[in-house]
Amino acid sequence: MYTGLLHLHNLLRWVIVVTLIWSLWNAYKGKNGKETLIMMISAHITLLVGLYQWMVGGLGMANMSAMSNAAARFWAIEHPTMMILSIVFITLGHRSAKAGDINKTKRWLIIALIVILMAMPWPFREAIGRPWFPGMH
């Protein structure tokens, strides 16, 4: 079950990134569509799956004592904290889009995108890297 949830978590990150870029594109064009709602729902589902992994899996809460190890610190503290912040920014961006404030929408979504890109376990990051898509090694 853990592996399946890990794959779901990995796939949903791409849904979030694509809809986030789509939302930014539409915000710069002055449009307001349903993509911010799709992005926010995907982000909250990903948060729930990630929190379950953090509590049950061996990389999260169980690793809290290994703060001297950079990889353990990333999975136990940095990744969850930054992703929760990005979901807060995504939610604020959705609220701004819903209210019709395009400038605030752009601001919140750009901040969310930057935080997400910093917190993702990209394949080229040595100790913490994950494959681009689930099942790839």
N, C-alpha and C. Protein backbone atom coordinates (compact mmCIF):
# COMPACT_ATOMS: atom_id res chain seq x y z
N MET A 1 0.81 -1.19 0.00
CA MET A 1 0.00 0.00 0.00
C MET A 1 0.86 1.26 0.00
N TYR A 2 1.96 1.21 0.75
CA TYR A 2 2.84 2.38 0.83
C TYR A 2 3.40 2.74 -0.54
N THR A 3 3.79 1.73 -1.32
CA THR A 3 4.34 1.98 -2.65
C THR A 3 3.30 2.61 -3.57
N GLY A 4 2.08 2.12 -3.50
CA GLY A 4 1.02 2.71 -4.32
C GLY A 4 0.75 4.16 -3.95
N LEU A 5 0.76 4.47 -2.66
CA LEU A 5 0.56 5.85 -2.23
C LEU A 5 1.73 6.73 -2.62
N LEU A 6 2.94 6.15 -2.61
CA LEU A 6 4.11 6.90 -3.06
C LEU A 6 3.99 7.25 -4.54
N HIS A 7 3.52 6.30 -5.34
CA HIS A 7 3.30 6.56 -6.77
C HIS A 7 2.21 7.60 -6.98
N LEU A 8 1.13 7.52 -6.22
CA LEU A 8 0.06 8.51 -6.31
C LEU A 8 0.58 9.90 -5.94
N HIS A 9 1.34 9.97 -4.87
CA HIS A 9 1.93 11.23 -4.42
C HIS A 9 2.83 11.82 -5.51
N ASN A 10 3.61 10.96 -6.14
CA ASN A 10 4.52 11.38 -7.19
C ASN A 10 3.74 11.87 -8.42
N LEU A 11 2.71 11.16 -8.82
CA LEU A 11 1.92 11.58 -9.98
C LEU A 11 1.16 12.88 -9.73
N LEU A 12 0.63 13.02 -8.53
CA LEU A 12 -0.12 14.24 -8.22
C LEU A 12 0.75 15.48 -8.22
N ARG A 13 2.06 15.32 -7.98
CA ARG A 13 2.92 16.50 -8.04
C ARG A 13 2.92 17.09 -9.44
N TRP A 14 2.84 16.21 -10.46
CA TRP A 14 2.82 16.73 -11.83
C TRP A 14 1.49 17.40 -12.15
N VAL A 15 0.40 16.88 -11.59
CA VAL A 15 -0.90 17.54 -11.76
C VAL A 15 -0.83 18.94 -11.16
N ILE A 16 -0.23 19.06 -9.99
CA ILE A 16 -0.12 20.36 -9.33
C ILE A 16 0.76 21.30 -10.14
N VAL A 17 1.92 20.83 -10.59
CA VAL A 17 2.84 21.69 -11.34
C VAL A 17 2.19 22.16 -12.65
N VAL A 18 1.55 21.25 -13.37
CA VAL A 18 0.92 21.61 -14.64
C VAL A 18 -0.22 22.61 -14.42
N THR A 19 -1.10 22.33 -13.45
CA THR A 19 -2.21 23.25 -13.22
C THR A 19 -1.73 24.58 -12.63
N LEU A 20 -0.64 24.55 -11.90
CA LEU A 20 -0.07 25.79 -11.36
C LEU A 20 0.46 26.67 -12.50
N ILE A 21 1.19 26.07 -13.43
CA ILE A 21 1.68 26.82 -14.58
C ILE A 21 0.51 27.30 -15.45
N TRP A 22 -0.49 26.45 -15.63
CA TRP A 22 -1.70 26.82 -16.38
C TRP A 22 -2.41 28.00 -15.71
N SER A 23 -2.53 27.96 -14.39
CA SER A 23 -3.17 29.04 -13.64
C SER A 23 -2.38 30.34 -13.77
N LEU A 24 -1.06 30.25 -13.70
CA LEU A 24 -0.24 31.44 -13.88
C LEU A 24 -0.39 32.00 -15.29
N TRP A 25 -0.40 31.13 -16.27
CA TRP A 25 -0.57 31.55 -17.67
C TRP A 25 -1.90 32.31 -17.82
N ASN A 26 -2.96 31.75 -17.30
CA ASN A 26 -4.27 32.41 -17.39
C ASN A 26 -4.32 33.70 -16.59
N ALA A 27 -3.65 33.75 -15.45
CA ALA A 27 -3.61 34.97 -14.65
C ALA A 27 -2.90 36.09 -15.42
N TYR A 28 -1.82 35.75 -16.11
CA TYR A 28 -1.11 36.76 -16.90
C TYR A 28 -1.92 37.20 -18.11
N LYS A 29 -2.81 36.34 -18.59
CA LYS A 29 -3.69 36.71 -19.69
C LYS A 29 -4.95 37.42 -19.19
N GLY A 30 -5.12 37.50 -17.88
CA GLY A 30 -6.27 38.17 -17.30
C GLY A 30 -7.51 37.30 -17.21
N LYS A 31 -7.34 35.99 -17.39
CA LYS A 31 -8.47 35.06 -17.32
C LYS A 31 -8.57 34.44 -15.94
N ASN A 32 -9.74 33.91 -15.65
CA ASN A 32 -9.95 33.24 -14.38
C ASN A 32 -10.78 31.99 -14.66
N GLY A 33 -10.13 30.83 -14.60
CA GLY A 33 -10.82 29.58 -14.90
C GLY A 33 -10.91 28.67 -13.70
N LYS A 34 -11.32 27.45 -13.96
CA LYS A 34 -11.46 26.45 -12.90
C LYS A 34 -10.15 25.74 -12.57
N GLU A 35 -9.08 26.05 -13.28
CA GLU A 35 -7.83 25.34 -13.05
C GLU A 35 -7.27 25.58 -11.65
N THR A 36 -7.55 26.75 -11.06
CA THR A 36 -7.06 26.97 -9.70
C THR A 36 -7.77 26.05 -8.70
N LEU A 37 -9.03 25.75 -8.96
CA LEU A 37 -9.75 24.81 -8.10
C LEU A 37 -9.18 23.40 -8.24
N ILE A 38 -8.91 22.97 -9.47
CA ILE A 38 -8.30 21.66 -9.71
C ILE A 38 -6.95 21.58 -9.01
N MET A 39 -6.17 22.66 -9.13
CA MET A 39 -4.85 22.70 -8.51
C MET A 39 -4.97 22.61 -6.99
N MET A 40 -5.90 23.35 -6.41
CA MET A 40 -6.05 23.36 -4.96
C MET A 40 -6.52 22.00 -4.45
N ILE A 41 -7.46 21.38 -5.13
CA ILE A 41 -7.93 20.05 -4.71
C ILE A 41 -6.80 19.03 -4.81
N SER A 42 -6.05 19.05 -5.91
CA SER A 42 -4.92 18.13 -6.08
C SER A 42 -3.88 18.35 -4.99
N ALA A 43 -3.63 19.60 -4.65
CA ALA A 43 -2.63 19.91 -3.62
C ALA A 43 -3.08 19.39 -2.25
N HIS A 44 -4.35 19.53 -1.94
CA HIS A 44 -4.83 19.06 -0.64
C HIS A 44 -4.85 17.52 -0.57
N ILE A 45 -5.18 16.86 -1.66
CA ILE A 45 -5.12 15.39 -1.69
C ILE A 45 -3.68 14.93 -1.54
N THR A 46 -2.78 15.60 -2.24
CA THR A 46 -1.36 15.26 -2.13
C THR A 46 -0.87 15.47 -0.70
N LEU A 47 -1.34 16.53 -0.06
CA LEU A 47 -0.97 16.78 1.34
C LEU A 47 -1.43 15.64 2.23
N LEU A 48 -2.66 15.18 2.05
CA LEU A 48 -3.16 14.09 2.89
C LEU A 48 -2.35 12.81 2.67
N VAL A 49 -2.07 12.49 1.41
CA VAL A 49 -1.27 11.30 1.11
C VAL A 49 0.14 11.45 1.70
N GLY A 50 0.72 12.64 1.54
CA GLY A 50 2.06 12.89 2.06
C GLY A 50 2.13 12.82 3.57
N LEU A 51 1.12 13.36 4.24
CA LEU A 51 1.11 13.29 5.70
C LEU A 51 0.99 11.85 6.19
N TYR A 52 0.20 11.04 5.47
CA TYR A 52 0.11 9.63 5.82
C TYR A 52 1.48 8.97 5.66
N GLN A 53 2.15 9.24 4.54
CA GLN A 53 3.48 8.68 4.31
C GLN A 53 4.46 9.14 5.39
N TRP A 54 4.36 10.39 5.78
CA TRP A 54 5.27 10.96 6.76
C TRP A 54 5.08 10.29 8.13
N MET A 55 3.82 10.00 8.47
CA MET A 55 3.55 9.39 9.77
C MET A 55 3.85 7.89 9.80
N VAL A 56 3.59 7.20 8.70
CA VAL A 56 3.72 5.74 8.67
C VAL A 56 5.06 5.29 8.11
N GLY A 57 5.56 6.01 7.11
CA GLY A 57 6.79 5.60 6.43
C GLY A 57 8.04 5.82 7.27
N GLY A 58 9.14 5.28 6.79
CA GLY A 58 10.40 5.35 7.52
C GLY A 58 11.19 6.63 7.29
N LEU A 59 10.73 7.49 6.39
CA LEU A 59 11.50 8.70 6.10
C LEU A 59 11.02 9.92 6.87
N GLY A 60 9.87 9.87 7.46
CA GLY A 60 9.29 11.05 8.09
C GLY A 60 9.49 11.12 9.57
N MET A 61 8.40 10.96 10.30
CA MET A 61 8.40 11.13 11.74
C MET A 61 9.37 10.18 12.43
N ALA A 62 9.54 9.00 11.89
CA ALA A 62 10.44 8.02 12.50
C ALA A 62 11.89 8.47 12.42
N ASN A 63 12.20 9.39 11.52
CA ASN A 63 13.57 9.84 11.29
C ASN A 63 13.89 11.16 11.97
N MET A 64 13.05 11.62 12.86
CA MET A 64 13.23 12.95 13.46
C MET A 64 14.52 13.08 14.26
N SER A 65 15.08 12.00 14.72
CA SER A 65 16.28 12.09 15.54
C SER A 65 17.55 12.23 14.71
N ALA A 66 17.47 12.06 13.43
CA ALA A 66 18.66 12.07 12.57
C ALA A 66 18.86 13.42 11.89
N MET A 67 18.86 14.50 12.64
CA MET A 67 18.96 15.83 12.05
C MET A 67 20.34 16.14 11.48
N SER A 68 21.35 15.38 11.86
CA SER A 68 22.68 15.62 11.32
C SER A 68 22.83 15.06 9.90
N ASN A 69 21.94 14.16 9.53
CA ASN A 69 21.94 13.58 8.19
C ASN A 69 21.07 14.44 7.28
N ALA A 70 21.65 14.99 6.21
CA ALA A 70 20.93 15.93 5.33
C ALA A 70 19.71 15.28 4.67
N ALA A 71 19.85 14.04 4.24
CA ALA A 71 18.73 13.37 3.57
C ALA A 71 17.59 13.11 4.55
N ALA A 72 17.92 12.66 5.75
CA ALA A 72 16.88 12.42 6.76
C ALA A 72 16.20 13.72 7.15
N ARG A 73 16.99 14.78 7.27
CA ARG A 73 16.43 16.09 7.62
C ARG A 73 15.49 16.59 6.52
N PHE A 74 15.87 16.37 5.26
CA PHE A 74 15.02 16.80 4.15
C PHE A 74 13.66 16.13 4.23
N TRP A 75 13.63 14.80 4.40
CA TRP A 75 12.35 14.08 4.42
C TRP A 75 11.56 14.31 5.70
N ALA A 76 12.24 14.51 6.82
CA ALA A 76 11.53 14.65 8.09
C ALA A 76 11.03 16.07 8.32
N ILE A 77 11.77 17.08 7.86
CA ILE A 77 11.44 18.46 8.19
C ILE A 77 11.24 19.34 6.96
N GLU A 78 12.25 19.43 6.11
CA GLU A 78 12.26 20.42 5.03
C GLU A 78 11.14 20.20 4.01
N HIS A 79 11.04 19.00 3.47
CA HIS A 79 10.04 18.71 2.44
C HIS A 79 8.61 18.94 2.95
N PRO A 80 8.22 18.36 4.09
CA PRO A 80 6.85 18.59 4.56
C PRO A 80 6.56 20.06 4.87
N THR A 81 7.51 20.75 5.50
CA THR A 81 7.28 22.15 5.87
C THR A 81 7.11 23.02 4.63
N MET A 82 7.99 22.85 3.66
CA MET A 82 7.91 23.67 2.46
C MET A 82 6.67 23.34 1.63
N MET A 83 6.28 22.09 1.58
CA MET A 83 5.09 21.73 0.82
C MET A 83 3.82 22.22 1.49
N ILE A 84 3.77 22.19 2.81
CA ILE A 84 2.60 22.74 3.51
C ILE A 84 2.51 24.24 3.25
N LEU A 85 3.65 24.93 3.28
CA LEU A 85 3.65 26.36 2.94
C LEU A 85 3.17 26.59 1.50
N SER A 86 3.63 25.78 0.58
CA SER A 86 3.21 25.96 -0.82
C SER A 86 1.71 25.73 -0.97
N ILE A 87 1.14 24.81 -0.21
CA ILE A 87 -0.29 24.56 -0.28
C ILE A 87 -1.06 25.74 0.32
N VAL A 88 -0.51 26.36 1.33
CA VAL A 88 -1.11 27.59 1.86
C VAL A 88 -1.12 28.67 0.77
N PHE A 89 0.00 28.82 0.06
CA PHE A 89 0.08 29.83 -1.00
C PHE A 89 -0.86 29.49 -2.16
N ILE A 90 -0.98 28.20 -2.49
CA ILE A 90 -1.91 27.79 -3.54
C ILE A 90 -3.34 28.13 -3.13
N THR A 91 -3.68 27.87 -1.88
CA THR A 91 -5.03 28.17 -1.40
C THR A 91 -5.29 29.67 -1.43
N LEU A 92 -4.31 30.47 -1.02
CA LEU A 92 -4.46 31.92 -1.10
C LEU A 92 -4.58 32.39 -2.55
N GLY A 93 -3.83 31.75 -3.45
CA GLY A 93 -3.93 32.07 -4.88
C GLY A 93 -5.30 31.74 -5.43
N HIS A 94 -5.87 30.62 -5.03
CA HIS A 94 -7.21 30.25 -5.46
C HIS A 94 -8.24 31.25 -4.94
N ARG A 95 -8.12 31.63 -3.68
CA ARG A 95 -9.05 32.62 -3.11
C ARG A 95 -8.96 33.95 -3.84
N SER A 96 -7.73 34.37 -4.18
CA SER A 96 -7.55 35.62 -4.91
C SER A 96 -8.14 35.52 -6.31
N ALA A 97 -7.97 34.38 -6.95
CA ALA A 97 -8.54 34.19 -8.29
C ALA A 97 -10.06 34.21 -8.23
N LYS A 98 -10.59 33.59 -7.21
CA LYS A 98 -12.04 33.55 -7.03
C LYS A 98 -12.60 34.96 -6.79
N ALA A 99 -11.82 35.79 -6.07
CA ALA A 99 -12.24 37.16 -5.78
C ALA A 99 -12.00 38.08 -6.97
N GLY A 100 -11.25 37.59 -7.97
CA GLY A 100 -10.99 38.40 -9.16
C GLY A 100 -9.78 39.31 -9.06
N ASP A 101 -8.95 39.14 -8.04
CA ASP A 101 -7.74 39.95 -7.87
C ASP A 101 -6.57 39.26 -8.56
N ILE A 102 -6.36 39.60 -9.83
CA ILE A 102 -5.35 38.92 -10.66
C ILE A 102 -3.94 39.16 -10.13
N ASN A 103 -3.63 40.37 -9.66
CA ASN A 103 -2.27 40.66 -9.17
C ASN A 103 -1.92 39.80 -7.96
N LYS A 104 -2.84 39.69 -7.01
CA LYS A 104 -2.58 38.83 -5.85
C LYS A 104 -2.49 37.37 -6.26
N THR A 105 -3.33 36.96 -7.22
CA THR A 105 -3.28 35.58 -7.70
C THR A 105 -1.91 35.27 -8.25
N LYS A 106 -1.39 36.14 -9.10
CA LYS A 106 -0.06 35.93 -9.68
C LYS A 106 0.99 35.84 -8.59
N ARG A 107 0.93 36.76 -7.64
CA ARG A 107 1.92 36.81 -6.57
C ARG A 107 1.94 35.51 -5.77
N TRP A 108 0.76 35.06 -5.31
CA TRP A 108 0.69 33.85 -4.50
C TRP A 108 1.13 32.62 -5.29
N LEU A 109 0.72 32.53 -6.54
CA LEU A 109 1.05 31.34 -7.33
C LEU A 109 2.53 31.29 -7.70
N ILE A 110 3.15 32.43 -7.93
CA ILE A 110 4.59 32.45 -8.21
C ILE A 110 5.37 31.99 -6.97
N ILE A 111 4.97 32.49 -5.81
CA ILE A 111 5.63 32.07 -4.57
C ILE A 111 5.45 30.56 -4.37
N ALA A 112 4.23 30.06 -4.61
CA ALA A 112 3.97 28.62 -4.46
C ALA A 112 4.83 27.81 -5.42
N LEU A 113 4.95 28.26 -6.66
CA LEU A 113 5.76 27.53 -7.65
C LEU A 113 7.23 27.48 -7.23
N ILE A 114 7.75 28.59 -6.76
CA ILE A 114 9.16 28.63 -6.33
C ILE A 114 9.39 27.68 -5.16
N VAL A 115 8.50 27.71 -4.18
CA VAL A 115 8.65 26.83 -3.01
C VAL A 115 8.55 25.36 -3.42
N ILE A 116 7.61 25.04 -4.31
CA ILE A 116 7.45 23.66 -4.77
C ILE A 116 8.70 23.20 -5.51
N LEU A 117 9.22 24.02 -6.39
CA LEU A 117 10.42 23.63 -7.15
C LEU A 117 11.62 23.44 -6.23
N MET A 118 11.70 24.21 -5.15
CA MET A 118 12.80 24.03 -4.20
C MET A 118 12.64 22.77 -3.36
N ALA A 119 11.41 22.37 -3.08
CA ALA A 119 11.17 21.26 -2.16
C ALA A 119 11.00 19.92 -2.85
N MET A 120 10.92 19.90 -4.17
CA MET A 120 10.74 18.62 -4.87
C MET A 120 12.02 17.80 -4.84
N PRO A 121 11.90 16.50 -4.67
CA PRO A 121 13.09 15.62 -4.69
C PRO A 121 13.49 15.29 -6.13
N TRP A 122 14.08 16.24 -6.81
CA TRP A 122 14.45 16.07 -8.22
C TRP A 122 15.44 14.91 -8.38
N PRO A 123 15.42 14.21 -9.51
CA PRO A 123 16.31 13.05 -9.71
C PRO A 123 17.79 13.39 -9.60
N PHE A 124 18.18 14.61 -9.90
CA PHE A 124 19.59 14.99 -9.87
C PHE A 124 20.08 15.37 -8.47
N ARG A 125 19.19 15.40 -7.49
CA ARG A 125 19.60 15.66 -6.10
C ARG A 125 20.08 14.33 -5.52
N GLU A 126 21.34 14.27 -5.14
CA GLU A 126 22.02 13.01 -4.84
C GLU A 126 21.31 12.10 -3.84
N ALA A 127 21.23 12.48 -2.60
CA ALA A 127 20.75 11.56 -1.57
C ALA A 127 19.22 11.48 -1.50
N ILE A 128 18.53 12.49 -2.02
CA ILE A 128 17.07 12.54 -1.87
C ILE A 128 16.32 12.39 -3.18
N GLY A 129 17.02 12.26 -4.29
CA GLY A 129 16.39 12.24 -5.60
C GLY A 129 15.39 11.11 -5.80
N ARG A 130 14.32 11.43 -6.46
CA ARG A 130 13.29 10.46 -6.84
C ARG A 130 13.16 10.51 -8.36
N PRO A 131 12.69 9.43 -8.98
CA PRO A 131 12.54 9.44 -10.44
C PRO A 131 11.48 10.45 -10.89
N TRP A 132 11.56 10.84 -12.17
CA TRP A 132 10.61 11.79 -12.74
C TRP A 132 9.17 11.28 -12.62
N PHE A 133 8.98 10.00 -12.91
CA PHE A 133 7.66 9.39 -12.86
C PHE A 133 7.74 8.09 -12.07
N PRO A 134 6.66 7.69 -11.41
CA PRO A 134 6.69 6.46 -10.61
C PRO A 134 7.08 5.24 -11.43
N GLY A 135 7.86 4.36 -10.83
CA GLY A 135 8.27 3.14 -11.50
C GLY A 135 9.54 3.27 -12.31
N MET A 136 10.00 4.50 -12.56
CA MET A 136 11.23 4.68 -13.32
C MET A 136 12.41 4.70 -12.35
N HIS A 137 13.53 4.13 -12.76
CA HIS A 137 14.71 4.14 -11.89
C HIS A 137 15.88 4.72 -12.59
